[in-house]
Structures are given as C-alpha cells and as structure tokens.
C-alpha cells in the first residue's frame, strides 16, 4: 500500500453544532481541553474509548465523526 491512511475528523463541526466549547466537551468526556484542541486540529488521534465517548457526547456515529 503506497498511500498512508490518515484518520481525519469532523469534531470541530459537530462540537460547535451541539454548542460545546472545547472545555465543556473535555469535561464531558473526561479529558483535557488540550486533547480536544489537538483532535480538532487533526494533530492527535484519540483512543478507541475516547472516540466512542466523543460520539456519545455529540450524538453521532463513529463514521460521521471520523473518516479517512
């Protein structure tokens, strides 16, 4: 496989649509604001557990929030 798969996300869009600040979302899912910022900027991929907690908090599916 020549092409590297890079996981991207729609976190910022869904977060803003649901009215969450970065800090509020971080508290809701039990992480830090810095982690949310890093995910928003596609600089960090969350663990499977954190990804699922984000989906639950934002009321969306994994496929809606994350993509290649």
C-alpha atoms as a PDB file:
ATOM      1  CA  UNK A   1       0.000   0.000   0.000  1.00  0.00           C
ATOM      2  CA  UNK A   2       1.708   3.174  -1.182  1.00  0.00           C
ATOM      3  CA  UNK A   3      -0.674   5.641   0.389  1.00  0.00           C
ATOM      4  CA  UNK A   4      -0.624   6.293   4.133  1.00  0.00           C
ATOM      5  CA  UNK A   5      -4.075   6.282   5.740  1.00  0.00           C
ATOM      6  CA  UNK A   6      -4.610   9.361   7.852  1.00  0.00           C
ATOM      7  CA  UNK A   7      -7.607   9.447  10.159  1.00  0.00           C
ATOM      8  CA  UNK A   8      -9.405  12.787   9.898  1.00  0.00           C
ATOM      9  CA  UNK A   9     -12.377  14.082  11.851  1.00  0.00           C
ATOM     10  CA  UNK A  10     -15.326  16.435  11.945  1.00  0.00           C
ATOM     11  CA  UNK A  11     -15.003  17.075  15.679  1.00  0.00           C
ATOM     12  CA  UNK A  12     -14.922  20.862  15.498  1.00  0.00           C
ATOM     13  CA  UNK A  13     -18.032  20.982  13.297  1.00  0.00           C
ATOM     14  CA  UNK A  14     -20.064  18.592  15.476  1.00  0.00           C
ATOM     15  CA  UNK A  15     -18.813  20.229  18.680  1.00  0.00           C
ATOM     16  CA  UNK A  16     -19.908  23.671  17.501  1.00  0.00           C
ATOM     17  CA  UNK A  17     -23.258  22.383  16.191  1.00  0.00           C
ATOM     18  CA  UNK A  18     -24.006  20.913  19.620  1.00  0.00           C
ATOM     19  CA  UNK A  19     -22.933  24.140  21.371  1.00  0.00           C
ATOM     20  CA  UNK A  20     -19.975  22.668  23.264  1.00  0.00           C
ATOM     21  CA  UNK A  21     -16.885  24.708  23.996  1.00  0.00           C
ATOM     22  CA  UNK A  22     -13.621  22.777  23.927  1.00  0.00           C
ATOM     23  CA  UNK A  23     -13.525  22.917  27.734  1.00  0.00           C
ATOM     24  CA  UNK A  24     -17.130  21.705  28.134  1.00  0.00           C
ATOM     25  CA  UNK A  25     -16.606  18.772  25.780  1.00  0.00           C
ATOM     26  CA  UNK A  26     -13.354  17.856  27.511  1.00  0.00           C
ATOM     27  CA  UNK A  27     -15.090  17.749  30.894  1.00  0.00           C
ATOM     28  CA  UNK A  28     -17.991  15.746  29.475  1.00  0.00           C
ATOM     29  CA  UNK A  29     -15.743  13.001  28.106  1.00  0.00           C
ATOM     30  CA  UNK A  30     -13.137  13.101  30.883  1.00  0.00           C
ATOM     31  CA  UNK A  31     -10.140  14.533  29.097  1.00  0.00           C
ATOM     32  CA  UNK A  32      -8.328  17.862  28.847  1.00  0.00           C
ATOM     33  CA  UNK A  33      -9.023  20.888  26.690  1.00  0.00           C
ATOM     34  CA  UNK A  34      -5.574  20.422  25.114  1.00  0.00           C
ATOM     35  CA  UNK A  35      -6.584  16.952  23.945  1.00  0.00           C
ATOM     36  CA  UNK A  36      -9.754  18.324  22.333  1.00  0.00           C
ATOM     37  CA  UNK A  37      -7.721  21.100  20.675  1.00  0.00           C
ATOM     38  CA  UNK A  38      -5.262  18.525  19.291  1.00  0.00           C
ATOM     39  CA  UNK A  39      -8.081  16.372  17.906  1.00  0.00           C
ATOM     40  CA  UNK A  40      -9.832  19.471  16.447  1.00  0.00           C
ATOM     41  CA  UNK A  41      -6.619  20.282  14.549  1.00  0.00           C
ATOM     42  CA  UNK A  42      -6.075  16.668  13.389  1.00  0.00           C
ATOM     43  CA  UNK A  43      -2.793  16.559  15.328  1.00  0.00           C
ATOM     44  CA  UNK A  44      -3.856  13.672  17.561  1.00  0.00           C
ATOM     45  CA  UNK A  45      -5.978  10.562  17.093  1.00  0.00           C
ATOM     46  CA  UNK A  46      -7.976   9.597  20.172  1.00  0.00           C
ATOM     47  CA  UNK A  47      -8.037   6.131  21.662  1.00  0.00           C
ATOM     48  CA  UNK A  48     -10.992   3.949  20.712  1.00  0.00           C
ATOM     49  CA  UNK A  49     -12.557   4.614  24.122  1.00  0.00           C
ATOM     50  CA  UNK A  50     -12.234   8.402  23.815  1.00  0.00           C
ATOM     51  CA  UNK A  51     -13.509   8.314  20.229  1.00  0.00           C
ATOM     52  CA  UNK A  52     -16.632   6.449  21.347  1.00  0.00           C
ATOM     53  CA  UNK A  53     -17.170   8.824  24.273  1.00  0.00           C
ATOM     54  CA  UNK A  54     -16.958  11.754  21.853  1.00  0.00           C
ATOM     55  CA  UNK A  55     -19.538  10.099  19.585  1.00  0.00           C
ATOM     56  CA  UNK A  56     -21.888   9.579  22.526  1.00  0.00           C
ATOM     57  CA  UNK A  57     -21.443  13.145  23.790  1.00  0.00           C
ATOM     58  CA  UNK A  58     -22.013  14.596  20.304  1.00  0.00           C
ATOM     59  CA  UNK A  59     -24.842  12.179  19.440  1.00  0.00           C
ATOM     60  CA  UNK A  60     -23.264  10.937  16.221  1.00  0.00           C
ATOM     61  CA  UNK A  61     -21.777   7.758  14.819  1.00  0.00           C
ATOM     62  CA  UNK A  62     -18.084   6.976  14.579  1.00  0.00           C
ATOM     63  CA  UNK A  63     -18.357   7.155  10.799  1.00  0.00           C
ATOM     64  CA  UNK A  64     -19.882  10.636  10.964  1.00  0.00           C
ATOM     65  CA  UNK A  65     -17.158  11.938  13.270  1.00  0.00           C
ATOM     66  CA  UNK A  66     -14.081  10.158  11.862  1.00  0.00           C
ATOM     67  CA  UNK A  67     -13.089   9.354   8.286  1.00  0.00           C
ATOM     68  CA  UNK A  68     -10.100   8.578   6.042  1.00  0.00           C
END
